[in-house]
N, C-alpha and C. Protein backbone atom coordinates (compact mmCIF):
# COMPACT_ATOMS: atom_id res chain seq x y z
N SER A 1 0.56 -1.40 0.04
CA SER A 1 -0.30 -0.19 0.14
C SER A 1 0.91 1.08 0.40
N VAL A 2 0.45 2.67 -0.70
CA VAL A 2 0.89 3.69 -0.47
C VAL A 2 0.58 4.39 0.42
N CYS A 3 1.39 5.42 1.58
CA CYS A 3 0.68 5.54 2.18
C CYS A 3 0.87 7.62 1.32
N PHE A 4 -0.37 8.65 1.41
CA PHE A 4 -0.03 10.19 1.14
C PHE A 4 0.06 11.28 2.70
N ASP A 5 -0.07 11.85 2.36
CA ASP A 5 -0.03 12.89 2.92
C ASP A 5 -1.08 13.66 2.88
N CYS A 6 -1.74 14.12 4.17
CA CYS A 6 -3.01 14.99 4.29
C CYS A 6 -2.63 15.64 3.45
N THR A 7 -3.63 16.69 3.23
CA THR A 7 -3.68 17.79 3.50
C THR A 7 -3.95 19.61 4.36
N PRO A 8 -2.76 20.21 4.40
CA PRO A 8 -2.87 20.94 5.34
C PRO A 8 -3.68 21.54 6.21
N GLY A 9 -3.77 21.31 7.63
CA GLY A 9 -4.67 21.82 7.89
C GLY A 9 -5.75 20.26 8.90
N TYR A 10 -5.81 19.18 7.73
CA TYR A 10 -5.52 18.08 7.67
C TYR A 10 -4.94 17.16 8.65
N THR A 11 -4.95 15.61 9.66
CA THR A 11 -3.90 15.09 9.65
C THR A 11 -4.54 13.51 10.02
N SER A 12 -4.12 12.55 10.25
CA SER A 12 -4.52 11.15 10.09
C SER A 12 -4.21 10.29 11.38
N PHE A 13 -5.92 10.36 11.91
CA PHE A 13 -5.24 9.09 13.39
C PHE A 13 -5.84 8.17 12.39
N ASN A 14 -4.33 6.85 12.93
CA ASN A 14 -4.74 5.40 12.98
C ASN A 14 -4.53 5.26 10.98
N GLY A 15 -3.58 6.23 10.76
CA GLY A 15 -3.79 5.99 9.37
C GLY A 15 -4.98 5.34 8.73
N SER A 16 -5.84 5.94 8.93
CA SER A 16 -7.69 5.56 8.28
C SER A 16 -7.95 6.35 7.48
N GLY A 17 -7.05 7.59 7.58
CA GLY A 17 -7.32 8.84 6.15
C GLY A 17 -7.27 9.58 6.62
N CYS A 18 -7.85 11.10 5.69
CA CYS A 18 -7.45 12.52 6.83
C CYS A 18 -8.37 12.99 7.09
N VAL A 19 -8.49 13.97 8.06
CA VAL A 19 -9.84 13.94 9.23
C VAL A 19 -9.31 15.74 9.49
N GLY A 20 -10.10 16.73 9.79
CA GLY A 20 -9.50 17.95 9.79
C GLY A 20 -8.97 18.30 10.91
N CYS A 21 -8.83 19.15 11.27
CA CYS A 21 -7.97 19.84 12.31
C CYS A 21 -9.69 20.24 13.37
N PRO A 22 -9.71 19.73 14.89
CA PRO A 22 -10.58 20.69 14.97
C PRO A 22 -10.27 21.89 15.37
N ALA A 23 -11.46 22.77 15.53
CA ALA A 23 -11.58 23.89 16.23
C ALA A 23 -10.75 24.34 17.27
N GLY A 24 -10.05 25.07 17.99
CA GLY A 24 -8.94 25.22 18.97
C GLY A 24 -7.19 24.76 18.61
N ARG A 25 -7.61 23.31 17.63
CA ARG A 25 -6.01 23.63 17.17
C ARG A 25 -5.79 23.95 15.97
N ALA A 26 -4.79 23.29 15.44
CA ALA A 26 -4.00 23.83 13.87
C ALA A 26 -3.42 23.25 13.69
N ASP A 27 -3.26 22.68 12.16
CA ASP A 27 -2.14 22.18 11.51
C ASP A 27 -0.77 22.48 11.60
N ASN A 28 -0.58 24.41 11.34
CA ASN A 28 0.55 24.38 11.20
C ASN A 28 1.43 24.18 9.86
N ALA A 29 0.75 24.02 9.02
CA ALA A 29 1.12 23.66 7.27
C ALA A 29 1.62 22.18 7.46
N GLY A 30 0.63 21.37 8.03
CA GLY A 30 1.35 20.00 8.02
C GLY A 30 2.60 19.62 8.71
N THR A 31 2.48 20.23 9.62
CA THR A 31 4.27 19.91 10.37
C THR A 31 3.32 19.30 11.34
N THR A 32 2.76 19.66 12.50
CA THR A 32 1.92 19.78 13.90
C THR A 32 0.78 18.63 14.47
N GLY A 33 0.55 17.87 12.80
CA GLY A 33 -0.59 17.05 13.88
C GLY A 33 -1.72 17.55 14.77
N CYS A 34 -1.91 18.82 13.78
CA CYS A 34 -3.67 19.31 15.26
C CYS A 34 -2.79 19.96 16.64
N ALA A 35 -2.02 20.85 16.99
CA ALA A 35 -1.39 20.87 17.71
C ALA A 35 -2.73 22.34 18.36
N LEU A 36 -3.16 22.06 19.96
CA LEU A 36 -3.20 23.25 20.30
C LEU A 36 -3.08 24.64 20.22
N CYS A 37 -3.66 25.58 20.03
CA CYS A 37 -3.80 26.98 19.58
C CYS A 37 -2.61 27.10 20.99
N ALA A 38 -1.44 27.64 20.72
CA ALA A 38 -0.77 27.92 21.32
C ALA A 38 -1.13 29.54 22.43
N ALA A 39 -0.97 29.91 24.25
CA ALA A 39 -1.06 31.13 24.64
C ALA A 39 -1.56 31.80 24.00
N GLY A 40 -2.90 33.21 23.68
CA GLY A 40 -2.23 34.06 23.44
C GLY A 40 -2.85 34.40 21.56
N THR A 41 -3.25 32.84 21.43
CA THR A 41 -3.69 32.20 20.25
C THR A 41 -4.95 32.47 19.90
N PHE A 42 -5.93 31.59 18.66
CA PHE A 42 -7.33 30.59 18.98
C PHE A 42 -7.82 31.08 18.15
N ASN A 43 -8.34 29.52 17.37
CA ASN A 43 -9.03 29.26 16.09
C ASN A 43 -10.58 28.51 16.52
N ASP A 44 -11.33 29.27 15.71
CA ASP A 44 -12.45 28.89 16.37
C ASP A 44 -13.32 28.42 14.95
N LEU A 45 -12.53 27.56 13.78
CA LEU A 45 -12.97 27.20 12.84
C LEU A 45 -12.36 26.66 12.27
N PRO A 46 -12.65 24.74 12.01
CA PRO A 46 -12.01 23.47 11.42
C PRO A 46 -10.60 23.39 11.01
N ALA A 47 -10.25 22.61 10.30
CA ALA A 47 -9.29 22.39 9.69
C ALA A 47 -8.20 23.27 8.75
N GLN A 48 -7.70 24.40 10.14
CA GLN A 48 -7.25 25.43 9.78
C GLN A 48 -4.92 24.58 9.78
N VAL A 49 -4.61 25.82 9.49
CA VAL A 49 -3.11 25.98 8.91
C VAL A 49 -2.34 26.54 10.62
N ALA A 50 -3.01 27.06 10.94
CA ALA A 50 -2.13 28.18 12.03
C ALA A 50 -3.91 28.98 12.67
N CYS A 51 -3.14 29.58 13.90
CA CYS A 51 -3.86 30.14 14.88
C CYS A 51 -3.88 31.61 14.58
N THR A 52 -5.16 31.72 14.98
CA THR A 52 -5.24 33.68 15.10
C THR A 52 -4.50 34.39 16.25
N ALA A 53 -3.88 35.51 16.23
CA ALA A 53 -2.80 36.31 17.20
C ALA A 53 -4.81 36.60 17.88
N CYS A 54 -4.98 36.57 20.08
CA CYS A 54 -5.68 37.26 20.64
C CYS A 54 -5.35 38.74 20.62
N VAL A 55 -6.73 39.83 20.66
CA VAL A 55 -6.33 41.12 20.46
C VAL A 55 -5.96 41.17 22.12
N VAL A 56 -5.52 42.47 22.40
CA VAL A 56 -5.08 42.59 23.77
C VAL A 56 -6.23 43.11 24.72
N GLY A 57 -6.21 42.76 26.23
CA GLY A 57 -7.05 42.05 26.57
C GLY A 57 -8.30 41.11 26.86
N ARG A 58 -7.30 39.82 25.96
CA ARG A 58 -8.00 38.52 26.36
C ARG A 58 -7.14 38.21 25.81
N PHE A 59 -7.42 36.79 26.50
CA PHE A 59 -6.43 35.90 26.06
C PHE A 59 -7.00 34.27 26.07
N THR A 60 -6.12 33.26 25.62
CA THR A 60 -6.83 32.20 25.53
C THR A 60 -8.00 31.10 25.99
N SER A 61 -9.10 30.49 25.57
CA SER A 61 -10.20 30.02 26.19
C SER A 61 -9.58 28.45 26.34
N PRO A 62 -9.72 27.44 27.16
CA PRO A 62 -9.06 26.70 28.18
C PRO A 62 -8.84 25.26 26.57
N ASP A 63 -9.78 25.91 25.83
CA ASP A 63 -9.83 24.92 24.76
C ASP A 63 -9.28 25.79 23.03
N GLY A 64 -9.11 26.93 23.80
CA GLY A 64 -8.38 27.15 22.08
C GLY A 64 -9.10 27.55 21.66
N THR A 65 -10.71 27.87 20.74
CA THR A 65 -11.68 28.08 19.65
C THR A 65 -12.23 29.66 20.21
N ARG A 66 -11.55 30.32 21.14
CA ARG A 66 -11.54 32.22 20.91
C ARG A 66 -10.92 32.40 22.82
N CYS A 67 -11.18 33.97 22.33
CA CYS A 67 -10.01 34.41 23.16
C CYS A 67 -11.09 35.57 24.22
N ASP A 68 -10.70 35.14 25.33
CA ASP A 68 -12.21 35.79 26.83
C ASP A 68 -11.81 36.87 27.29
N PRO A 69 -12.29 38.14 27.22
CA PRO A 69 -11.59 39.33 27.61
C PRO A 69 -11.51 39.12 29.67
N CYS A 70 -10.23 39.49 29.66
CA CYS A 70 -9.46 39.64 30.98
C CYS A 70 -10.85 40.64 32.13
N VAL A 71 -10.92 40.53 32.99
CA VAL A 71 -11.87 40.73 33.96
C VAL A 71 -11.35 41.71 34.22
N ALA A 72 -12.09 43.38 34.80
CA ALA A 72 -11.80 44.32 35.94
C ALA A 72 -10.50 44.03 37.02
N GLY A 73 -9.10 44.76 36.83
CA GLY A 73 -8.07 44.07 37.54
C GLY A 73 -7.27 43.33 37.60
N SER A 74 -7.03 42.86 36.08
CA SER A 74 -6.68 41.44 35.65
C SER A 74 -5.74 42.16 34.53
N PHE A 75 -5.43 40.98 33.84
CA PHE A 75 -4.18 41.56 32.49
C PHE A 75 -3.84 40.37 32.10
N PHE A 76 -3.20 40.06 31.04
CA PHE A 76 -2.83 38.92 30.08
C PHE A 76 -1.65 38.42 30.38
N ASN A 77 -1.13 37.85 31.20
CA ASN A 77 -0.10 37.79 31.40
C ASN A 77 0.78 36.34 30.09
N GLY A 78 0.45 36.35 28.96
CA GLY A 78 1.39 35.62 28.08
C GLY A 78 1.24 34.11 28.45
N GLY A 79 0.03 33.77 29.07
CA GLY A 79 -0.26 32.26 28.90
C GLY A 79 -2.18 32.33 29.16
N LYS A 80 -2.25 31.29 29.35
CA LYS A 80 -4.51 30.93 28.88
C LYS A 80 -4.09 31.29 30.29
N ILE A 81 -3.83 32.06 31.39
CA ILE A 81 -4.62 32.05 32.87
C ILE A 81 -3.99 33.86 32.54
N PHE A 82 -5.48 34.97 33.30
CA PHE A 82 -4.95 35.89 33.41
C PHE A 82 -4.52 36.53 34.91
N SER A 83 -3.97 37.38 35.05
CA SER A 83 -4.01 37.89 36.62
C SER A 83 -4.12 38.37 37.14
N MET A 84 -3.55 38.51 38.44
CA MET A 84 -4.19 40.20 38.88
C MET A 84 -3.81 40.98 39.22
N LEU A 85 -4.21 42.03 38.68
CA LEU A 85 -2.86 42.80 38.73
C LEU A 85 -2.47 43.09 40.68
N TRP A 86 -1.49 44.06 40.91
CA TRP A 86 -1.43 44.46 42.33
C TRP A 86 -2.13 45.25 42.94
N LYS A 87 -2.39 45.63 44.35
CA LYS A 87 -3.08 46.05 44.84
C LYS A 87 -2.19 47.89 44.85
N HIS A 88 -2.93 48.50 44.13
CA HIS A 88 -2.76 50.15 44.02
C HIS A 88 -2.31 50.23 42.65
N VAL A 89 -2.00 49.36 41.76
CA VAL A 89 -1.65 49.64 40.43
C VAL A 89 -3.13 49.56 39.72
N TYR A 90 -2.93 50.65 38.50
CA TYR A 90 -3.98 50.65 38.24
C TYR A 90 -3.52 51.03 36.36
N THR A 91 -4.76 50.22 35.85
CA THR A 91 -4.50 51.04 34.10
C THR A 91 -5.71 51.86 33.77
N PHE A 92 -4.93 51.91 33.02
CA PHE A 92 -6.02 52.90 31.75
C PHE A 92 -6.08 52.68 30.43
């Protein structure tokens, strides 16, 4: 039998054919096998090759399908979790 590469945005599970990466994951042009979107990025569509950056003031949801807003008094710290600002520190 002959093996074929899947189209970017798709991957093979157990060699049984190509399936689109689910939302919240991306195939990175055929090299990662549907990796979860990195911190600070999201993907709300299936079969994608890249994730999109979150806008300022938002952080990646746990499933990588959206960017959630930071609550008042918090900020995005570069990870998937937001952190509370120090007491008496203000942002505008």
